[in-house]
Amino acid sequence: MKIGLLASGGLGYSILQQIDSSYKLSFVMTDKGSDLIQDFCRINEIPCFAGNPRNGNSKDFLDAKSCDILVSINYLFLIEQNIIDIPKILAFNIHGSLLPKYRGRTPHVWSIINNEIATGITAHIIDSGCDTGDVLEQVQIDIDSKDTGATILKKFETHYFPLVVKVLNKIETDKLIRHTQDNSKATYFGKRTPEDGLINWSWQRERIYNWVRAQSFPYPGAFTFYLNNKVIIDWIELDDYGFDYNVPNGTIVTNDPVRIKTPNGLVKITKFRNSINNIIVNNKFEDI
């Protein structure tokens, strides 16, 4: 069975290596930033297209390509119909949520922000919509209170390849079952950018905690401003230090350790990504 692979990033690279060791890869498509994937394909003489495949950009590459199954892993681009039509049997994607919940980009980050206690990965048919195709298989994965976006991805990584194998085995044995998604239960969350990490100190402190850990290193990070300087925060803890509700949110209550006032209590900042000087009690972190 010949496989075509769409993959990006470190997760895509990991799965590429595992698929190549067990199946015949006809071709790989990736983005220009995924150097490890491009290098692997070059060394192993696997035809590879790097870049945005949309609007006919990949036509010349694909004209001479074929496969039985097309698999998408962490691929950066929305897949157009000309690519969906390549495989002789079907095209499927592994998505980082329990569909139909959390369609869209970076679902694992959104699930932490939204205080979910579980997420998962879904193998689903690729269609012309965004994560709307029939579900083939799902794996539920718990979200611990200390999990970050990065640790959730590490959990995902251990389940991705076994899920791919399970789907491929069911295709080979003609035991694959397709389940239509219930669109009435679907949720969609959009792409996140580094600028989306701004902390609002008027949020409840539990939301701020989830906001910070979801985006902690190596992600771009949650941030605030102090004396007009951007400050990235990688970890906070909820703190039982006393406070006055009338004090403005974002106020520095203590500076060693740094404790910040929110509407329902204090948070203690335990890890700054960048250095910050002259932290003065009663000054404010600003969400501007």
C-alpha atoms as a PDB file:
ATOM      1  CA  MET A   1       0.000   0.000   0.000  1.00  0.00           C
ATOM      2  CA  LYS A   2       1.544   3.272  -1.156  1.00  0.00           C
ATOM      3  CA  ILE A   3       1.245   6.275   1.166  1.00  0.00           C
ATOM      4  CA  GLY A   4       1.343   9.979   0.387  1.00  0.00           C
ATOM      5  CA  LEU A   5       2.141  12.130   3.440  1.00  0.00           C
ATOM      6  CA  LEU A   6       1.327  15.744   4.243  1.00  0.00           C
ATOM      7  CA  ALA A   7       3.302  16.781   7.339  1.00  0.00           C
ATOM      8  CA  SER A   8       4.773  19.787   9.126  1.00  0.00           C
ATOM      9  CA  GLY A   9       6.859  20.554  12.203  1.00  0.00           C
ATOM     10  CA  GLY A  10       8.511  18.316  14.759  1.00  0.00           C
ATOM     11  CA  LEU A  11       5.445  16.132  15.175  1.00  0.00           C
ATOM     12  CA  GLY A  12       5.171  15.652  11.426  1.00  0.00           C
ATOM     13  CA  TYR A  13       8.879  14.760  11.253  1.00  0.00           C
ATOM     14  CA  SER A  14       8.528  12.143  14.007  1.00  0.00           C
ATOM     15  CA  ILE A  15       5.591  10.466  12.271  1.00  0.00           C
ATOM     16  CA  LEU A  16       7.343  10.669   8.887  1.00  0.00           C
ATOM     17  CA  GLN A  17      10.226   8.577  10.215  1.00  0.00           C
ATOM     18  CA  GLN A  18       7.868   5.956  11.645  1.00  0.00           C
ATOM     19  CA  ILE A  19       5.707   5.725   8.529  1.00  0.00           C
ATOM     20  CA  ASP A  20       8.778   5.436   6.303  1.00  0.00           C
ATOM     21  CA  SER A  21      10.051   2.500   8.378  1.00  0.00           C
ATOM     22  CA  SER A  22       6.807   0.532   7.921  1.00  0.00           C
ATOM     23  CA  TYR A  23       5.211   1.601   4.631  1.00  0.00           C
ATOM     24  CA  LYS A  24       6.082   2.629   1.087  1.00  0.00           C
ATOM     25  CA  LEU A  25       6.079   6.427   0.844  1.00  0.00           C
ATOM     26  CA  SER A  26       5.253   7.748  -2.622  1.00  0.00           C
ATOM     27  CA  PHE A  27       5.768  11.421  -1.798  1.00  0.00           C
ATOM     28  CA  VAL A  28       5.767  13.991   0.996  1.00  0.00           C
ATOM     29  CA  MET A  29       4.409  17.542   1.076  1.00  0.00           C
ATOM     30  CA  THR A  30       5.471  19.986   3.774  1.00  0.00           C
ATOM     31  CA  ASP A  31       6.045  23.690   4.458  1.00  0.00           C
ATOM     32  CA  LYS A  32       9.251  25.597   3.772  1.00  0.00           C
ATOM     33  CA  GLY A  33       9.986  25.949   7.507  1.00  0.00           C
ATOM     34  CA  SER A  34      10.046  22.195   8.187  1.00  0.00           C
ATOM     35  CA  ASP A  35      13.749  21.655   7.464  1.00  0.00           C
ATOM     36  CA  LEU A  36      13.993  18.270   9.187  1.00  0.00           C
ATOM     37  CA  ILE A  37      11.270  16.844   6.959  1.00  0.00           C
ATOM     38  CA  GLN A  38      12.910  18.228   3.822  1.00  0.00           C
ATOM     39  CA  ASP A  39      16.325  16.894   4.860  1.00  0.00           C
ATOM     40  CA  PHE A  40      14.913  13.440   5.631  1.00  0.00           C
ATOM     41  CA  CYS A  41      13.250  13.257   2.228  1.00  0.00           C
ATOM     42  CA  ARG A  42      16.389  14.371   0.443  1.00  0.00           C
ATOM     43  CA  ILE A  43      18.586  11.830   2.247  1.00  0.00           C
ATOM     44  CA  ASN A  44      16.096   9.016   1.684  1.00  0.00           C
ATOM     45  CA  GLU A  45      15.277  10.051  -1.895  1.00  0.00           C
ATOM     46  CA  ILE A  46      11.573  10.616  -1.223  1.00  0.00           C
ATOM     47  CA  PRO A  47       9.935  13.118  -3.604  1.00  0.00           C
ATOM     48  CA  CYS A  48       9.100  16.206  -1.538  1.00  0.00           C
ATOM     49  CA  PHE A  49       7.216  19.440  -2.177  1.00  0.00           C
ATOM     50  CA  ALA A  50       7.924  22.281   0.266  1.00  0.00           C
ATOM     51  CA  GLY A  51       5.699  25.352   0.274  1.00  0.00           C
ATOM     52  CA  ASN A  52       2.076  26.438  -0.002  1.00  0.00           C
ATOM     53  CA  PRO A  53       0.388  23.914  -2.317  1.00  0.00           C
ATOM     54  CA  ARG A  54      -2.711  26.006  -2.921  1.00  0.00           C
ATOM     55  CA  ASN A  55      -3.794  27.900  -6.043  1.00  0.00           C
ATOM     56  CA  GLY A  56      -2.020  25.513  -8.386  1.00  0.00           C
ATOM     57  CA  ASN A  57       1.432  25.912  -6.827  1.00  0.00           C
ATOM     58  CA  SER A  58       1.874  22.145  -6.448  1.00  0.00           C
ATOM     59  CA  LYS A  59       0.339  21.096  -9.770  1.00  0.00           C
ATOM     60  CA  ASP A  60       3.599  20.281 -11.538  1.00  0.00           C
ATOM     61  CA  PHE A  61       4.815  18.248  -8.550  1.00  0.00           C
ATOM     62  CA  LEU A  62       1.580  16.283  -8.236  1.00  0.00           C
ATOM     63  CA  ASP A  63       0.982  15.559 -11.913  1.00  0.00           C
ATOM     64  CA  ALA A  64       3.205  12.478 -11.811  1.00  0.00           C
ATOM     65  CA  LYS A  65       2.345  11.378  -8.249  1.00  0.00           C
ATOM     66  CA  SER A  66      -0.061   8.710  -7.035  1.00  0.00           C
ATOM     67  CA  CYS A  67      -0.826   6.848  -3.829  1.00  0.00           C
ATOM     68  CA  ASP A  68      -3.382   4.530  -2.290  1.00  0.00           C
ATOM     69  CA  ILE A  69      -3.833   6.460   0.960  1.00  0.00           C
ATOM     70  CA  LEU A  70      -3.093  10.108   1.717  1.00  0.00           C
ATOM     71  CA  VAL A  71      -2.250  10.837   5.372  1.00  0.00           C
ATOM     72  CA  SER A  72      -2.070  14.348   6.861  1.00  0.00           C
ATOM     73  CA  ILE A  73      -0.130  14.986  10.090  1.00  0.00           C
ATOM     74  CA  ASN A  74       0.097  18.493  11.557  1.00  0.00           C
ATOM     75  CA  TYR A  75       0.054  19.960   8.026  1.00  0.00           C
ATOM     76  CA  LEU A  76      -0.015  23.741   7.938  1.00  0.00           C
ATOM     77  CA  PHE A  77      -2.241  24.236   4.914  1.00  0.00           C
ATOM     78  CA  LEU A  78      -5.930  23.749   4.214  1.00  0.00           C
ATOM     79  CA  ILE A  79      -6.046  20.996   1.604  1.00  0.00           C
ATOM     80  CA  GLU A  80      -7.668  21.713  -1.744  1.00  0.00           C
ATOM     81  CA  GLN A  81      -9.723  19.234  -3.748  1.00  0.00           C
ATOM     82  CA  ASN A  82      -6.973  18.448  -6.275  1.00  0.00           C
ATOM     83  CA  ILE A  83      -4.905  16.954  -3.442  1.00  0.00           C
ATOM     84  CA  ILE A  84      -7.866  15.203  -1.791  1.00  0.00           C
ATOM     85  CA  ASP A  85      -8.552  13.454  -5.111  1.00  0.00           C
ATOM     86  CA  ILE A  86      -5.022  11.972  -5.455  1.00  0.00           C
ATOM     87  CA  PRO A  87      -5.368   8.758  -3.381  1.00  0.00           C
ATOM     88  CA  LYS A  88      -7.076   5.763  -4.935  1.00  0.00           C
ATOM     89  CA  ILE A  89      -8.797   4.787  -1.665  1.00  0.00           C
ATOM     90  CA  LEU A  90      -9.102   7.757   0.718  1.00  0.00           C
ATOM     91  CA  ALA A  91      -7.405  10.692   2.419  1.00  0.00           C
ATOM     92  CA  PHE A  92      -7.425  11.098   6.184  1.00  0.00           C
ATOM     93  CA  ASN A  93      -6.051  13.556   8.720  1.00  0.00           C
ATOM     94  CA  ILE A  94      -5.082  13.285  12.387  1.00  0.00           C
ATOM     95  CA  HIS A  95      -6.564  16.264  14.230  1.00  0.00           C
ATOM     96  CA  GLY A  96      -5.620  17.296  17.771  1.00  0.00           C
ATOM     97  CA  SER A  97      -9.057  17.248  19.372  1.00  0.00           C
ATOM     98  CA  LEU A  98     -12.071  15.033  19.895  1.00  0.00           C
ATOM     99  CA  LEU A  99     -14.073  16.136  16.875  1.00  0.00           C
ATOM    100  CA  PRO A 100     -16.537  17.703  16.368  1.00  0.00           C
ATOM    101  CA  LYS A 101     -15.233  19.764  19.317  1.00  0.00           C
ATOM    102  CA  TYR A 102     -12.355  22.152  18.640  1.00  0.00           C
ATOM    103  CA  ARG A 103     -12.240  22.237  14.883  1.00  0.00           C
ATOM    104  CA  GLY A 104      -9.612  24.642  13.569  1.00  0.00           C
ATOM    105  CA  ARG A 105      -6.054  25.577  14.516  1.00  0.00           C
ATOM    106  CA  THR A 106      -4.048  24.778  17.689  1.00  0.00           C
ATOM    107  CA  PRO A 107      -6.962  22.966  19.363  1.00  0.00           C
ATOM    108  CA  HIS A 108      -4.754  21.616  22.167  1.00  0.00           C
ATOM    109  CA  VAL A 109      -3.827  25.179  23.198  1.00  0.00           C
ATOM    110  CA  TRP A 110      -7.454  26.285  23.171  1.00  0.00           C
ATOM    111  CA  SER A 111      -8.493  23.254  25.233  1.00  0.00           C
ATOM    112  CA  ILE A 112      -6.067  24.243  28.018  1.00  0.00           C
ATOM    113  CA  ILE A 113      -7.170  27.884  27.888  1.00  0.00           C
ATOM    114  CA  ASN A 114     -10.778  26.725  28.214  1.00  0.00           C
ATOM    115  CA  ASN A 115      -9.980  24.600  31.288  1.00  0.00           C
ATOM    116  CA  GLU A 116     -10.807  21.273  29.665  1.00  0.00           C
ATOM    117  CA  ILE A 117      -9.762  18.167  31.584  1.00  0.00           C
ATOM    118  CA  ALA A 118      -9.481  16.003  28.470  1.00  0.00           C
ATOM    119  CA  THR A 119      -8.609  16.371  24.826  1.00  0.00           C
ATOM    120  CA  GLY A 120      -7.618  13.797  22.235  1.00  0.00           C
ATOM    121  CA  ILE A 121      -6.786  13.031  18.644  1.00  0.00           C
ATOM    122  CA  THR A 122      -9.158  12.123  15.845  1.00  0.00           C
ATOM    123  CA  ALA A 123      -8.534  10.334  12.570  1.00  0.00           C
ATOM    124  CA  HIS A 124     -11.049  11.735  10.100  1.00  0.00           C
ATOM    125  CA  ILE A 125     -11.706  11.793   6.376  1.00  0.00           C
ATOM    126  CA  ILE A 126     -10.361  14.890   4.631  1.00  0.00           C
ATOM    127  CA  ASP A 127     -13.111  16.728   2.811  1.00  0.00           C
ATOM    128  CA  SER A 128     -13.480  20.263   1.468  1.00  0.00           C
ATOM    129  CA  GLY A 129     -14.392  21.662   4.907  1.00  0.00           C
ATOM    130  CA  CYS A 130     -12.225  22.420   7.920  1.00  0.00           C
ATOM    131  CA  ASP A 131     -12.069  19.255  10.082  1.00  0.00           C
ATOM    132  CA  THR A 132     -15.608  18.302   9.042  1.00  0.00           C
ATOM    133  CA  GLY A 133     -15.047  14.869   7.479  1.00  0.00           C
ATOM    134  CA  ASP A 134     -16.305  11.554   8.833  1.00  0.00           C
ATOM    135  CA  VAL A 135     -14.596  10.304  11.993  1.00  0.00           C
ATOM    136  CA  LEU A 136     -12.660   7.043  11.662  1.00  0.00           C
ATOM    137  CA  GLU A 137     -11.037   6.591  15.084  1.00  0.00           C
ATOM    138  CA  GLN A 138     -10.473   8.652  18.265  1.00  0.00           C
ATOM    139  CA  VAL A 139      -8.158   8.514  21.277  1.00  0.00           C
ATOM    140  CA  GLN A 140      -8.969  10.458  24.456  1.00  0.00           C
ATOM    141  CA  ILE A 141      -6.041  12.060  26.329  1.00  0.00           C
ATOM    142  CA  ASP A 142      -6.269  13.593  29.803  1.00  0.00           C
ATOM    143  CA  ILE A 143      -5.157  17.170  30.467  1.00  0.00           C
ATOM    144  CA  ASP A 144      -3.357  17.462  33.806  1.00  0.00           C
ATOM    145  CA  SER A 145      -3.346  20.691  35.823  1.00  0.00           C
ATOM    146  CA  LYS A 146       0.353  21.215  35.029  1.00  0.00           C
ATOM    147  CA  ASP A 147       0.143  20.423  31.327  1.00  0.00           C
ATOM    148  CA  THR A 148       1.265  23.007  28.776  1.00  0.00           C
ATOM    149  CA  GLY A 149       0.714  23.232  25.047  1.00  0.00           C
ATOM    150  CA  ALA A 150       4.097  21.564  24.566  1.00  0.00           C
ATOM    151  CA  THR A 151       3.462  18.667  26.981  1.00  0.00           C
ATOM    152  CA  ILE A 152       0.104  17.930  25.374  1.00  0.00           C
ATOM    153  CA  LEU A 153       1.834  17.661  22.010  1.00  0.00           C
ATOM    154  CA  LYS A 154       4.308  15.196  23.535  1.00  0.00           C
ATOM    155  CA  LYS A 155       1.353  13.112  24.728  1.00  0.00           C
ATOM    156  CA  PHE A 156      -0.134  13.313  21.247  1.00  0.00           C
ATOM    157  CA  GLU A 157       3.106  12.113  19.696  1.00  0.00           C
ATOM    158  CA  THR A 158       2.939   8.748  21.472  1.00  0.00           C
ATOM    159  CA  HIS A 159      -0.546   8.119  20.065  1.00  0.00           C
ATOM    160  CA  TYR A 160      -0.293   9.484  16.507  1.00  0.00           C
ATOM    161  CA  PHE A 161       1.541   6.639  14.803  1.00  0.00           C
ATOM    162  CA  PRO A 162      -0.440   3.828  16.498  1.00  0.00           C
ATOM    163  CA  LEU A 163      -3.623   5.603  15.390  1.00  0.00           C
ATOM    164  CA  VAL A 164      -2.336   5.864  11.813  1.00  0.00           C
ATOM    165  CA  VAL A 165      -1.476   2.144  11.876  1.00  0.00           C
ATOM    166  CA  LYS A 166      -4.901   1.257  13.266  1.00  0.00           C
ATOM    167  CA  VAL A 167      -6.658   3.115  10.454  1.00  0.00           C
ATOM    168  CA  LEU A 168      -4.396   1.640   7.774  1.00  0.00           C
ATOM    169  CA  ASN A 169      -4.925  -1.885   9.126  1.00  0.00           C
ATOM    170  CA  LYS A 170      -8.688  -1.428   9.050  1.00  0.00           C
ATOM    171  CA  ILE A 171      -8.480  -0.194   5.462  1.00  0.00           C
ATOM    172  CA  GLU A 172      -6.439  -3.248   4.469  1.00  0.00           C
ATOM    173  CA  THR A 173      -8.880  -5.638   6.166  1.00  0.00           C
ATOM    174  CA  ASP A 174     -11.968  -3.766   4.928  1.00  0.00           C
ATOM    175  CA  LYS A 175     -13.135  -3.100   8.487  1.00  0.00           C
ATOM    176  CA  LEU A 176     -13.092   0.690   8.428  1.00  0.00           C
ATOM    177  CA  ILE A 177     -16.252   2.350   9.764  1.00  0.00           C
ATOM    178  CA  ARG A 178     -17.060   6.001   9.085  1.00  0.00           C
ATOM    179  CA  HIS A 179     -19.059   8.090  11.571  1.00  0.00           C
ATOM    180  CA  THR A 180     -20.660  11.330  10.414  1.00  0.00           C
ATOM    181  CA  GLN A 181     -19.859  14.265  12.694  1.00  0.00           C
ATOM    182  CA  ASP A 182     -22.751  15.856  14.594  1.00  0.00           C
ATOM    183  CA  ASN A 183     -22.492  19.447  13.425  1.00  0.00           C
ATOM    184  CA  SER A 184     -24.871  20.600  16.157  1.00  0.00           C
ATOM    185  CA  LYS A 185     -22.100  19.824  18.682  1.00  0.00           C
ATOM    186  CA  ALA A 186     -19.246  21.326  16.685  1.00  0.00           C
ATOM    187  CA  THR A 187     -17.053  24.131  17.992  1.00  0.00           C
ATOM    188  CA  TYR A 188     -14.458  26.063  16.028  1.00  0.00           C
ATOM    189  CA  PHE A 189     -11.409  27.995  17.239  1.00  0.00           C
ATOM    190  CA  GLY A 190      -9.209  30.060  14.941  1.00  0.00           C
ATOM    191  CA  LYS A 191      -5.498  30.419  14.369  1.00  0.00           C
ATOM    192  CA  ARG A 192      -3.449  31.955  17.171  1.00  0.00           C
ATOM    193  CA  THR A 193      -0.576  34.406  16.653  1.00  0.00           C
ATOM    194  CA  PRO A 194       2.069  35.620  19.151  1.00  0.00           C
ATOM    195  CA  GLU A 195       0.109  38.853  19.501  1.00  0.00           C
ATOM    196  CA  ASP A 196      -2.844  36.905  20.897  1.00  0.00           C
ATOM    197  CA  GLY A 197      -0.988  36.133  24.138  1.00  0.00           C
ATOM    198  CA  LEU A 198      -1.804  39.408  25.938  1.00  0.00           C
ATOM    199  CA  ILE A 199      -2.919  38.827  29.552  1.00  0.00           C
ATOM    200  CA  ASN A 200      -6.019  40.617  30.774  1.00  0.00           C
ATOM    201  CA  TRP A 201      -5.526  41.080  34.524  1.00  0.00           C
ATOM    202  CA  SER A 202      -9.268  41.570  34.981  1.00  0.00           C
ATOM    203  CA  TRP A 203      -9.831  37.907  34.160  1.00  0.00           C
ATOM    204  CA  GLN A 204     -10.399  35.452  36.986  1.00  0.00           C
ATOM    205  CA  ARG A 205      -7.033  34.120  38.107  1.00  0.00           C
ATOM    206  CA  GLU A 206      -7.855  30.544  37.050  1.00  0.00           C
ATOM    207  CA  ARG A 207      -8.247  31.723  33.454  1.00  0.00           C
ATOM    208  CA  ILE A 208      -4.955  33.617  33.669  1.00  0.00           C
ATOM    209  CA  TYR A 209      -3.261  30.461  34.982  1.00  0.00           C
ATOM    210  CA  ASN A 210      -4.560  28.421  32.037  1.00  0.00           C
ATOM    211  CA  TRP A 211      -3.714  31.235  29.622  1.00  0.00           C
ATOM    212  CA  VAL A 212      -0.088  31.303  30.766  1.00  0.00           C
ATOM    213  CA  ARG A 213       0.560  27.548  30.851  1.00  0.00           C
ATOM    214  CA  ALA A 214      -1.107  26.920  27.494  1.00  0.00           C
ATOM    215  CA  GLN A 215       1.369  29.252  25.787  1.00  0.00           C
ATOM    216  CA  SER A 216       4.522  28.709  27.866  1.00  0.00           C
ATOM    217  CA  PHE A 217       7.929  27.977  26.335  1.00  0.00           C
ATOM    218  CA  PRO A 218       8.636  26.910  23.601  1.00  0.00           C
ATOM    219  CA  TYR A 219       5.427  28.602  22.460  1.00  0.00           C
ATOM    220  CA  PRO A 220       5.446  32.404  21.970  1.00  0.00           C
ATOM    221  CA  GLY A 221       4.167  32.955  25.512  1.00  0.00           C
ATOM    222  CA  ALA A 222       1.587  34.940  27.450  1.00  0.00           C
ATOM    223  CA  PHE A 223       2.693  38.489  28.032  1.00  0.00           C
ATOM    224  CA  THR A 224       1.997  41.788  29.762  1.00  0.00           C
ATOM    225  CA  PHE A 225       3.623  45.234  29.848  1.00  0.00           C
ATOM    226  CA  TYR A 226       5.607  46.847  32.619  1.00  0.00           C
ATOM    227  CA  LEU A 227       6.843  50.433  32.251  1.00  0.00           C
ATOM    228  CA  ASN A 228       6.049  50.124  28.527  1.00  0.00           C
ATOM    229  CA  ASN A 229       8.242  47.014  28.147  1.00  0.00           C
ATOM    230  CA  LYS A 230       6.846  43.666  27.002  1.00  0.00           C
ATOM    231  CA  VAL A 231       7.211  40.981  29.657  1.00  0.00           C
ATOM    232  CA  ILE A 232       6.688  37.299  28.759  1.00  0.00           C
ATOM    233  CA  ILE A 233       5.539  35.039  31.589  1.00  0.00           C
ATOM    234  CA  ASP A 234       6.053  31.264  31.387  1.00  0.00           C
ATOM    235  CA  TRP A 235       4.599  30.099  34.708  1.00  0.00           C
ATOM    236  CA  ILE A 236       2.394  31.353  37.513  1.00  0.00           C
ATOM    237  CA  GLU A 237       0.799  29.786  40.560  1.00  0.00           C
ATOM    238  CA  LEU A 238      -2.391  30.589  42.430  1.00  0.00           C
ATOM    239  CA  ASP A 239      -1.472  32.158  45.756  1.00  0.00           C
ATOM    240  CA  ASP A 240      -3.298  32.540  49.084  1.00  0.00           C
ATOM    241  CA  TYR A 241      -1.579  35.800  50.076  1.00  0.00           C
ATOM    242  CA  GLY A 242      -4.082  38.367  51.348  1.00  0.00           C
ATOM    243  CA  PHE A 243      -5.358  41.176  49.154  1.00  0.00           C
ATOM    244  CA  ASP A 244      -7.707  44.161  49.001  1.00  0.00           C
ATOM    245  CA  TYR A 245     -10.441  43.796  46.392  1.00  0.00           C
ATOM    246  CA  ASN A 246     -10.397  47.555  45.779  1.00  0.00           C
ATOM    247  CA  VAL A 247      -6.799  47.494  44.565  1.00  0.00           C
ATOM    248  CA  PRO A 248      -6.720  47.762  40.739  1.00  0.00           C
ATOM    249  CA  ASN A 249      -6.248  44.502  38.860  1.00  0.00           C
ATOM    250  CA  GLY A 250      -2.685  44.013  37.648  1.00  0.00           C
ATOM    251  CA  THR A 251      -1.186  45.757  40.683  1.00  0.00           C
ATOM    252  CA  ILE A 252       2.090  44.363  42.037  1.00  0.00           C
ATOM    253  CA  VAL A 253       1.332  43.438  45.657  1.00  0.00           C
ATOM    254  CA  THR A 254       4.781  42.011  46.515  1.00  0.00           C
ATOM    255  CA  ASN A 255       7.993  41.961  44.486  1.00  0.00           C
ATOM    256  CA  ASP A 256       9.895  39.030  46.024  1.00  0.00           C
ATOM    257  CA  PRO A 257       8.170  36.889  44.936  1.00  0.00           C
ATOM    258  CA  VAL A 258       6.134  38.861  42.404  1.00  0.00           C
ATOM    259  CA  ARG A 259       2.445  38.656  43.284  1.00  0.00           C
ATOM    260  CA  ILE A 260      -0.216  40.272  41.107  1.00  0.00           C
ATOM    261  CA  LYS A 261      -3.766  41.259  42.011  1.00  0.00           C
ATOM    262  CA  THR A 262      -6.697  39.788  40.025  1.00  0.00           C
ATOM    263  CA  PRO A 263     -10.453  40.050  40.749  1.00  0.00           C
ATOM    264  CA  ASN A 264     -10.565  36.843  42.813  1.00  0.00           C
ATOM    265  CA  GLY A 265      -7.113  36.615  44.377  1.00  0.00           C
ATOM    266  CA  LEU A 266      -3.410  36.815  43.701  1.00  0.00           C
ATOM    267  CA  VAL A 267      -1.183  34.977  41.255  1.00  0.00           C
ATOM    268  CA  LYS A 268       2.503  34.446  41.956  1.00  0.00           C
ATOM    269  CA  ILE A 269       4.817  34.663  38.964  1.00  0.00           C
ATOM    270  CA  THR A 270       7.438  31.947  39.240  1.00  0.00           C
ATOM    271  CA  LYS A 271       9.048  32.132  35.798  1.00  0.00           C
ATOM    272  CA  PHE A 272       9.708  35.119  33.566  1.00  0.00           C
ATOM    273  CA  ARG A 273      11.103  34.423  30.105  1.00  0.00           C
ATOM    274  CA  ASN A 274      12.893  37.743  29.811  1.00  0.00           C
ATOM    275  CA  SER A 275      14.634  39.793  32.502  1.00  0.00           C
ATOM    276  CA  ILE A 276      12.639  42.504  34.244  1.00  0.00           C
ATOM    277  CA  ASN A 277      14.084  45.200  36.490  1.00  0.00           C
ATOM    278  CA  ASN A 278      12.734  47.665  39.045  1.00  0.00           C
ATOM    279  CA  ILE A 279       9.649  45.696  40.018  1.00  0.00           C
ATOM    280  CA  ILE A 280       8.097  48.085  42.495  1.00  0.00           C
ATOM    281  CA  VAL A 281       5.188  47.335  44.821  1.00  0.00           C
ATOM    282  CA  ASN A 282       1.995  49.207  43.848  1.00  0.00           C
ATOM    283  CA  ASN A 283       3.127  49.617  40.247  1.00  0.00           C
ATOM    284  CA  LYS A 284       0.983  47.832  37.675  1.00  0.00           C
ATOM    285  CA  PHE A 285       1.351  45.293  34.930  1.00  0.00           C
ATOM    286  CA  GLU A 286      -0.679  46.667  32.049  1.00  0.00           C
ATOM    287  CA  ASP A 287      -2.825  44.860  29.460  1.00  0.00           C
ATOM    288  CA  ILE A 288      -2.342  47.477  26.755  1.00  0.00           C
END
